[in-house]
Amino acid sequence: GFMALFPASFSIGIGQPQGLILLAMAVAVRL
């Protein structure tokens, strides 16, 4: 479902760092 979202694939395609920020938020939640 997440990969199907256009903003997710668009951010990857144009090389923006949203994925890194999302990972940091996920790490922060678990910490």
All heavy atoms as atom14 arrays in JSON, in Angstrom:
{
  "sequence": "GFMALFPASFSIGIGQPQGLILLAMAVAVRL",
  "atom14_mask": [
    [1, 1, 1, 1, 0, 0, 0, 0, 0, 0, 0, 0, 0, 0],
    [1, 1, 1, 1, 1, 1, 1, 1, 1, 1, 1, 0, 0, 0],
    [1, 1, 1, 1, 1, 1, 1, 1, 0, 0, 0, 0, 0, 0],
    [1, 1, 1, 1, 1, 0, 0, 0, 0, 0, 0, 0, 0, 0],
    [1, 1, 1, 1, 1, 1, 1, 1, 0, 0, 0, 0, 0, 0],
    [1, 1, 1, 1, 1, 1, 1, 1, 1, 1, 1, 0, 0, 0],
    [1, 1, 1, 1, 1, 1, 1, 0, 0, 0, 0, 0, 0, 0],
    [1, 1, 1, 1, 1, 0, 0, 0, 0, 0, 0, 0, 0, 0],
    [1, 1, 1, 1, 1, 1, 0, 0, 0, 0, 0, 0, 0, 0],
    [1, 1, 1, 1, 1, 1, 1, 1, 1, 1, 1, 0, 0, 0],
    [1, 1, 1, 1, 1, 1, 0, 0, 0, 0, 0, 0, 0, 0],
    [1, 1, 1, 1, 1, 1, 1, 1, 0, 0, 0, 0, 0, 0],
    [1, 1, 1, 1, 0, 0, 0, 0, 0, 0, 0, 0, 0, 0],
    [1, 1, 1, 1, 1, 1, 1, 1, 0, 0, 0, 0, 0, 0],
    [1, 1, 1, 1, 0, 0, 0, 0, 0, 0, 0, 0, 0, 0],
    [1, 1, 1, 1, 1, 1, 1, 1, 1, 0, 0, 0, 0, 0],
    [1, 1, 1, 1, 1, 1, 1, 0, 0, 0, 0, 0, 0, 0],
    [1, 1, 1, 1, 1, 1, 1, 1, 1, 0, 0, 0, 0, 0],
    [1, 1, 1, 1, 0, 0, 0, 0, 0, 0, 0, 0, 0, 0],
    [1, 1, 1, 1, 1, 1, 1, 1, 0, 0, 0, 0, 0, 0],
    [1, 1, 1, 1, 1, 1, 1, 1, 0, 0, 0, 0, 0, 0],
    [1, 1, 1, 1, 1, 1, 1, 1, 0, 0, 0, 0, 0, 0],
    [1, 1, 1, 1, 1, 1, 1, 1, 0, 0, 0, 0, 0, 0],
    [1, 1, 1, 1, 1, 0, 0, 0, 0, 0, 0, 0, 0, 0],
    [1, 1, 1, 1, 1, 1, 1, 1, 0, 0, 0, 0, 0, 0],
    [1, 1, 1, 1, 1, 0, 0, 0, 0, 0, 0, 0, 0, 0],
    [1, 1, 1, 1, 1, 1, 1, 0, 0, 0, 0, 0, 0, 0],
    [1, 1, 1, 1, 1, 0, 0, 0, 0, 0, 0, 0, 0, 0],
    [1, 1, 1, 1, 1, 1, 1, 0, 0, 0, 0, 0, 0, 0],
    [1, 1, 1, 1, 1, 1, 1, 1, 1, 1, 1, 0, 0, 0],
    [1, 1, 1, 1, 1, 1, 1, 1, 0, 0, 0, 0, 0, 0]
  ],
  "atom14_positions": [
    [[0.81, -1.21, 0.0], [0.0, 0.0, 0.0], [0.84, 1.25, 0.0], [0.54, 2.23, -0.7], [0.0, 0.0, 0.0], [0.0, 0.0, 0.0], [0.0, 0.0, 0.0], [0.0, 0.0, 0.0], [0.0, 0.0, 0.0], [0.0, 0.0, 0.0], [0.0, 0.0, 0.0], [0.0, 0.0, 0.0], [0.0, 0.0, 0.0], [0.0, 0.0, 0.0]],
    [[1.93, 1.21, 0.76], [2.79, 2.39, 0.82], [3.5, 2.61, -0.51], [3.58, 3.74, -1.01], [3.82, 2.2, 1.93], [4.66, 3.42, 2.16], [4.12, 4.56, 2.72], [6.0, 3.44, 1.81], [4.88, 5.69, 2.91], [6.77, 4.57, 2.01], [6.21, 5.7, 2.57], [0.0, 0.0, 0.0], [0.0, 0.0, 0.0], [0.0, 0.0, 0.0]],
    [[4.02, 1.53, -1.11], [4.7, 1.66, -2.39], [3.75, 2.09, -3.51], [4.17, 2.63, -4.52], [5.37, 0.33, -2.77], [6.56, -0.01, -1.91], [7.87, 1.24, -2.04], [9.16, 0.48, -1.06], [0.0, 0.0, 0.0], [0.0, 0.0, 0.0], [0.0, 0.0, 0.0], [0.0, 0.0, 0.0], [0.0, 0.0, 0.0], [0.0, 0.0, 0.0]],
    [[2.46, 1.81, -3.32], [1.48, 2.19, -4.33], [1.17, 3.68, -4.31], [0.61, 4.22, -5.28], [0.18, 1.41, -4.13], [0.0, 0.0, 0.0], [0.0, 0.0, 0.0], [0.0, 0.0, 0.0], [0.0, 0.0, 0.0], [0.0, 0.0, 0.0], [0.0, 0.0, 0.0], [0.0, 0.0, 0.0], [0.0, 0.0, 0.0], [0.0, 0.0, 0.0]],
    [[1.52, 4.35, -3.22], [1.25, 5.78, -3.12], [2.16, 6.55, -4.08], [3.38, 6.38, -4.07], [1.49, 6.27, -1.7], [0.49, 5.78, -0.64], [0.96, 6.22, 0.75], [-0.9, 6.31, -0.93], [0.0, 0.0, 0.0], [0.0, 0.0, 0.0], [0.0, 0.0, 0.0], [0.0, 0.0, 0.0], [0.0, 0.0, 0.0], [0.0, 0.0, 0.0]],
    [[1.58, 7.43, -4.87], [2.37, 8.2, -5.82], [3.43, 9.07, -5.14], [4.58, 9.14, -5.62], [1.47, 9.08, -6.68], [2.22, 9.94, -7.65], [2.75, 9.41, -8.8], [2.41, 11.3, -7.39], [3.46, 10.19, -9.7], [3.12, 12.1, -8.27], [3.64, 11.54, -9.44], [0.0, 0.0, 0.0], [0.0, 0.0, 0.0], [0.0, 0.0, 0.0]],
    [[3.12, 9.74, -4.01], [4.17, 10.56, -3.38], [5.4, 9.75, -2.97], [6.52, 10.27, -3.03], [3.46, 11.14, -2.14], [2.02, 11.17, -2.51], [1.82, 9.93, -3.35], [0.0, 0.0, 0.0], [0.0, 0.0, 0.0], [0.0, 0.0, 0.0], [0.0, 0.0, 0.0], [0.0, 0.0, 0.0], [0.0, 0.0, 0.0], [0.0, 0.0, 0.0]],
    [[5.21, 8.49, -2.58], [6.35, 7.67, -2.18], [7.26, 7.4, -3.37], [8.48, 7.6, -3.31], [5.87, 6.36, -1.56], [0.0, 0.0, 0.0], [0.0, 0.0, 0.0], [0.0, 0.0, 0.0], [0.0, 0.0, 0.0], [0.0, 0.0, 0.0], [0.0, 0.0, 0.0], [0.0, 0.0, 0.0], [0.0, 0.0, 0.0], [0.0, 0.0, 0.0]],
    [[6.67, 6.91, -4.47], [7.48, 6.62, -5.64], [8.04, 7.89, -6.27], [9.18, 7.9, -6.77], [6.66, 5.84, -6.68], [5.51, 6.57, -7.06], [0.0, 0.0, 0.0], [0.0, 0.0, 0.0], [0.0, 0.0, 0.0], [0.0, 0.0, 0.0], [0.0, 0.0, 0.0], [0.0, 0.0, 0.0], [0.0, 0.0, 0.0], [0.0, 0.0, 0.0]],
    [[7.28, 8.98, -6.21], [7.76, 10.25, -6.77], [8.98, 10.76, -6.02], [9.96, 11.21, -6.62], [6.64, 11.28, -6.73], [7.02, 12.61, -7.32], [7.13, 12.76, -8.7], [7.27, 13.71, -6.51], [7.49, 13.97, -9.26], [7.63, 14.93, -7.06], [7.73, 15.07, -8.44], [0.0, 0.0, 0.0], [0.0, 0.0, 0.0], [0.0, 0.0, 0.0]],
    [[8.94, 10.68, -4.68], [10.08, 11.16, -3.89], [11.33, 10.34, -4.17], [12.44, 10.88, -4.19], [9.75, 11.13, -2.39], [9.66, 9.8, -1.91], [0.0, 0.0, 0.0], [0.0, 0.0, 0.0], [0.0, 0.0, 0.0], [0.0, 0.0, 0.0], [0.0, 0.0, 0.0], [0.0, 0.0, 0.0], [0.0, 0.0, 0.0], [0.0, 0.0, 0.0]],
    [[11.15, 9.03, -4.41], [12.3, 8.19, -4.76], [12.81, 8.55, -6.15], [14.01, 8.7, -6.38], [11.91, 6.7, -4.7], [11.59, 6.29, -3.27], [13.04, 5.83, -5.26], [11.0, 4.91, -3.15], [0.0, 0.0, 0.0], [0.0, 0.0, 0.0], [0.0, 0.0, 0.0], [0.0, 0.0, 0.0], [0.0, 0.0, 0.0], [0.0, 0.0, 0.0]],
    [[11.89, 8.7, -7.09], [12.28, 8.98, -8.47], [13.04, 10.27, -8.63], [13.94, 10.36, -9.48], [0.0, 0.0, 0.0], [0.0, 0.0, 0.0], [0.0, 0.0, 0.0], [0.0, 0.0, 0.0], [0.0, 0.0, 0.0], [0.0, 0.0, 0.0], [0.0, 0.0, 0.0], [0.0, 0.0, 0.0], [0.0, 0.0, 0.0], [0.0, 0.0, 0.0]],
    [[12.71, 11.28, -7.85], [13.43, 12.55, -7.98], [14.53, 12.71, -6.92], [15.12, 13.77, -6.79], [12.47, 13.76, -7.92], [11.75, 13.85, -6.57], [11.47, 13.69, -9.05], [10.92, 15.12, -6.43], [0.0, 0.0, 0.0], [0.0, 0.0, 0.0], [0.0, 0.0, 0.0], [0.0, 0.0, 0.0], [0.0, 0.0, 0.0], [0.0, 0.0, 0.0]],
    [[14.77, 11.63, -6.18], [15.94, 11.61, -5.3], [15.84, 12.44, -4.04], [16.87, 12.79, -3.46], [0.0, 0.0, 0.0], [0.0, 0.0, 0.0], [0.0, 0.0, 0.0], [0.0, 0.0, 0.0], [0.0, 0.0, 0.0], [0.0, 0.0, 0.0], [0.0, 0.0, 0.0], [0.0, 0.0, 0.0], [0.0, 0.0, 0.0], [0.0, 0.0, 0.0]],
    [[14.63, 12.75, -3.59], [14.5, 13.56, -2.38], [14.59, 12.68, -1.12], [14.29, 11.49, -1.18], [13.19, 14.35, -2.41], [13.19, 15.43, -3.47], [12.07, 16.43, -3.28], [11.19, 16.27, -2.44], [12.08, 17.48, -4.07], [0.0, 0.0, 0.0], [0.0, 0.0, 0.0], [0.0, 0.0, 0.0], [0.0, 0.0, 0.0], [0.0, 0.0, 0.0]],
    [[14.96, 13.27, 0.02], [15.31, 12.46, 1.2], [14.15, 12.1, 2.12], [14.37, 11.72, 3.27], [16.29, 13.37, 1.93], [15.79, 14.75, 1.66], [15.28, 14.7, 0.23], [0.0, 0.0, 0.0], [0.0, 0.0, 0.0], [0.0, 0.0, 0.0], [0.0, 0.0, 0.0], [0.0, 0.0, 0.0], [0.0, 0.0, 0.0], [0.0, 0.0, 0.0]],
    [[12.9, 12.2, 1.64], [11.77, 11.91, 2.52], [11.86, 10.5, 3.12], [11.45, 10.29, 4.26], [10.44, 12.07, 1.76], [10.01, 13.51, 1.57], [10.53, 14.11, 0.28], [11.64, 13.8, -0.14], [9.74, 14.96, -0.36], [0.0, 0.0, 0.0], [0.0, 0.0, 0.0], [0.0, 0.0, 0.0], [0.0, 0.0, 0.0], [0.0, 0.0, 0.0]],
    [[12.35, 9.54, 2.35], [12.46, 8.18, 2.86], [13.38, 8.09, 4.06], [13.11, 7.37, 5.02], [0.0, 0.0, 0.0], [0.0, 0.0, 0.0], [0.0, 0.0, 0.0], [0.0, 0.0, 0.0], [0.0, 0.0, 0.0], [0.0, 0.0, 0.0], [0.0, 0.0, 0.0], [0.0, 0.0, 0.0], [0.0, 0.0, 0.0], [0.0, 0.0, 0.0]],
    [[14.48, 8.84, 4.02], [15.41, 8.85, 5.15], [14.77, 9.47, 6.38], [14.97, 9.02, 7.51], [16.67, 9.63, 4.77], [17.48, 9.07, 3.6], [18.64, 10.0, 3.26], [18.0, 7.67, 3.91], [0.0, 0.0, 0.0], [0.0, 0.0, 0.0], [0.0, 0.0, 0.0], [0.0, 0.0, 0.0], [0.0, 0.0, 0.0], [0.0, 0.0, 0.0]],
    [[13.97, 10.52, 6.16], [13.29, 11.18, 7.27], [12.22, 10.26, 7.87], [12.05, 10.18, 9.09], [12.7, 12.52, 6.81], [13.84, 13.48, 6.41], [11.83, 13.14, 7.9], [13.37, 14.75, 5.75], [0.0, 0.0, 0.0], [0.0, 0.0, 0.0], [0.0, 0.0, 0.0], [0.0, 0.0, 0.0], [0.0, 0.0, 0.0], [0.0, 0.0, 0.0]],
    [[11.5, 9.55, 7.01], [10.5, 8.61, 7.5], [11.16, 7.5, 8.32], [10.65, 7.11, 9.38], [9.73, 8.01, 6.32], [8.63, 7.02, 6.69], [7.55, 7.69, 7.54], [8.0, 6.42, 5.44], [0.0, 0.0, 0.0], [0.0, 0.0, 0.0], [0.0, 0.0, 0.0], [0.0, 0.0, 0.0], [0.0, 0.0, 0.0], [0.0, 0.0, 0.0]],
    [[12.3, 7.01, 7.86], [13.02, 5.99, 8.62], [13.46, 6.55, 9.97], [13.35, 5.85, 11.0], [14.24, 5.51, 7.83], [15.14, 4.49, 8.54], [14.36, 3.23, 8.88], [16.35, 4.17, 7.68], [0.0, 0.0, 0.0], [0.0, 0.0, 0.0], [0.0, 0.0, 0.0], [0.0, 0.0, 0.0], [0.0, 0.0, 0.0], [0.0, 0.0, 0.0]],
    [[13.94, 7.78, 9.99], [14.35, 8.39, 11.26], [13.17, 8.52, 12.22], [13.3, 8.28, 13.43], [14.97, 9.76, 11.0], [0.0, 0.0, 0.0], [0.0, 0.0, 0.0], [0.0, 0.0, 0.0], [0.0, 0.0, 0.0], [0.0, 0.0, 0.0], [0.0, 0.0, 0.0], [0.0, 0.0, 0.0], [0.0, 0.0, 0.0], [0.0, 0.0, 0.0]],
    [[11.99, 8.87, 11.69], [10.8, 8.96, 12.53], [10.42, 7.59, 13.09], [10.04, 7.47, 14.26], [9.64, 9.57, 11.74], [9.82, 11.03, 11.4], [8.43, 11.71, 10.45], [7.12, 11.64, 11.67], [0.0, 0.0, 0.0], [0.0, 0.0, 0.0], [0.0, 0.0, 0.0], [0.0, 0.0, 0.0], [0.0, 0.0, 0.0], [0.0, 0.0, 0.0]],
    [[10.54, 6.54, 12.25], [10.22, 5.2, 12.71], [11.18, 4.76, 13.81], [10.77, 4.18, 14.82], [10.29, 4.22, 11.52], [0.0, 0.0, 0.0], [0.0, 0.0, 0.0], [0.0, 0.0, 0.0], [0.0, 0.0, 0.0], [0.0, 0.0, 0.0], [0.0, 0.0, 0.0], [0.0, 0.0, 0.0], [0.0, 0.0, 0.0], [0.0, 0.0, 0.0]],
    [[12.47, 5.05, 13.62], [13.46, 4.72, 14.65], [13.15, 5.48, 15.94], [13.22, 4.93, 17.05], [14.88, 5.06, 14.16], [15.9, 4.97, 15.3], [15.28, 4.12, 13.03], [0.0, 0.0, 0.0], [0.0, 0.0, 0.0], [0.0, 0.0, 0.0], [0.0, 0.0, 0.0], [0.0, 0.0, 0.0], [0.0, 0.0, 0.0], [0.0, 0.0, 0.0]],
    [[12.78, 6.76, 15.81], [12.46, 7.57, 16.98], [11.27, 7.02, 17.75], [11.27, 6.98, 18.99], [12.2, 9.02, 16.55], [0.0, 0.0, 0.0], [0.0, 0.0, 0.0], [0.0, 0.0, 0.0], [0.0, 0.0, 0.0], [0.0, 0.0, 0.0], [0.0, 0.0, 0.0], [0.0, 0.0, 0.0], [0.0, 0.0, 0.0], [0.0, 0.0, 0.0]],
    [[10.26, 6.56, 17.01], [9.08, 5.99, 17.67], [9.45, 4.76, 18.49], [9.05, 4.61, 19.65], [8.01, 5.63, 16.61], [6.92, 4.75, 17.23], [7.39, 6.9, 16.03], [0.0, 0.0, 0.0], [0.0, 0.0, 0.0], [0.0, 0.0, 0.0], [0.0, 0.0, 0.0], [0.0, 0.0, 0.0], [0.0, 0.0, 0.0], [0.0, 0.0, 0.0]],
    [[10.24, 3.88, 17.9], [10.63, 2.65, 18.62], [11.56, 2.96, 19.79], [11.45, 2.32, 20.85], [11.31, 1.68, 17.64], [10.38, 1.14, 16.57], [9.12, 0.56, 17.18], [8.21, 0.02, 16.18], [6.9, -0.01, 16.31], [6.34, 0.48, 17.42], [6.14, -0.52, 15.38], [0.0, 0.0, 0.0], [0.0, 0.0, 0.0], [0.0, 0.0, 0.0]],
    [[12.45, 3.92, 19.63], [13.33, 4.3, 20.74], [12.52, 4.88, 21.9], [12.78, 4.59, 23.07], [14.37, 5.31, 20.27], [15.52, 4.77, 19.43], [16.34, 5.9, 18.85], [16.41, 3.85, 20.27], [0.0, 0.0, 0.0], [0.0, 0.0, 0.0], [0.0, 0.0, 0.0], [0.0, 0.0, 0.0], [0.0, 0.0, 0.0], [0.0, 0.0, 0.0]]
  ]
}
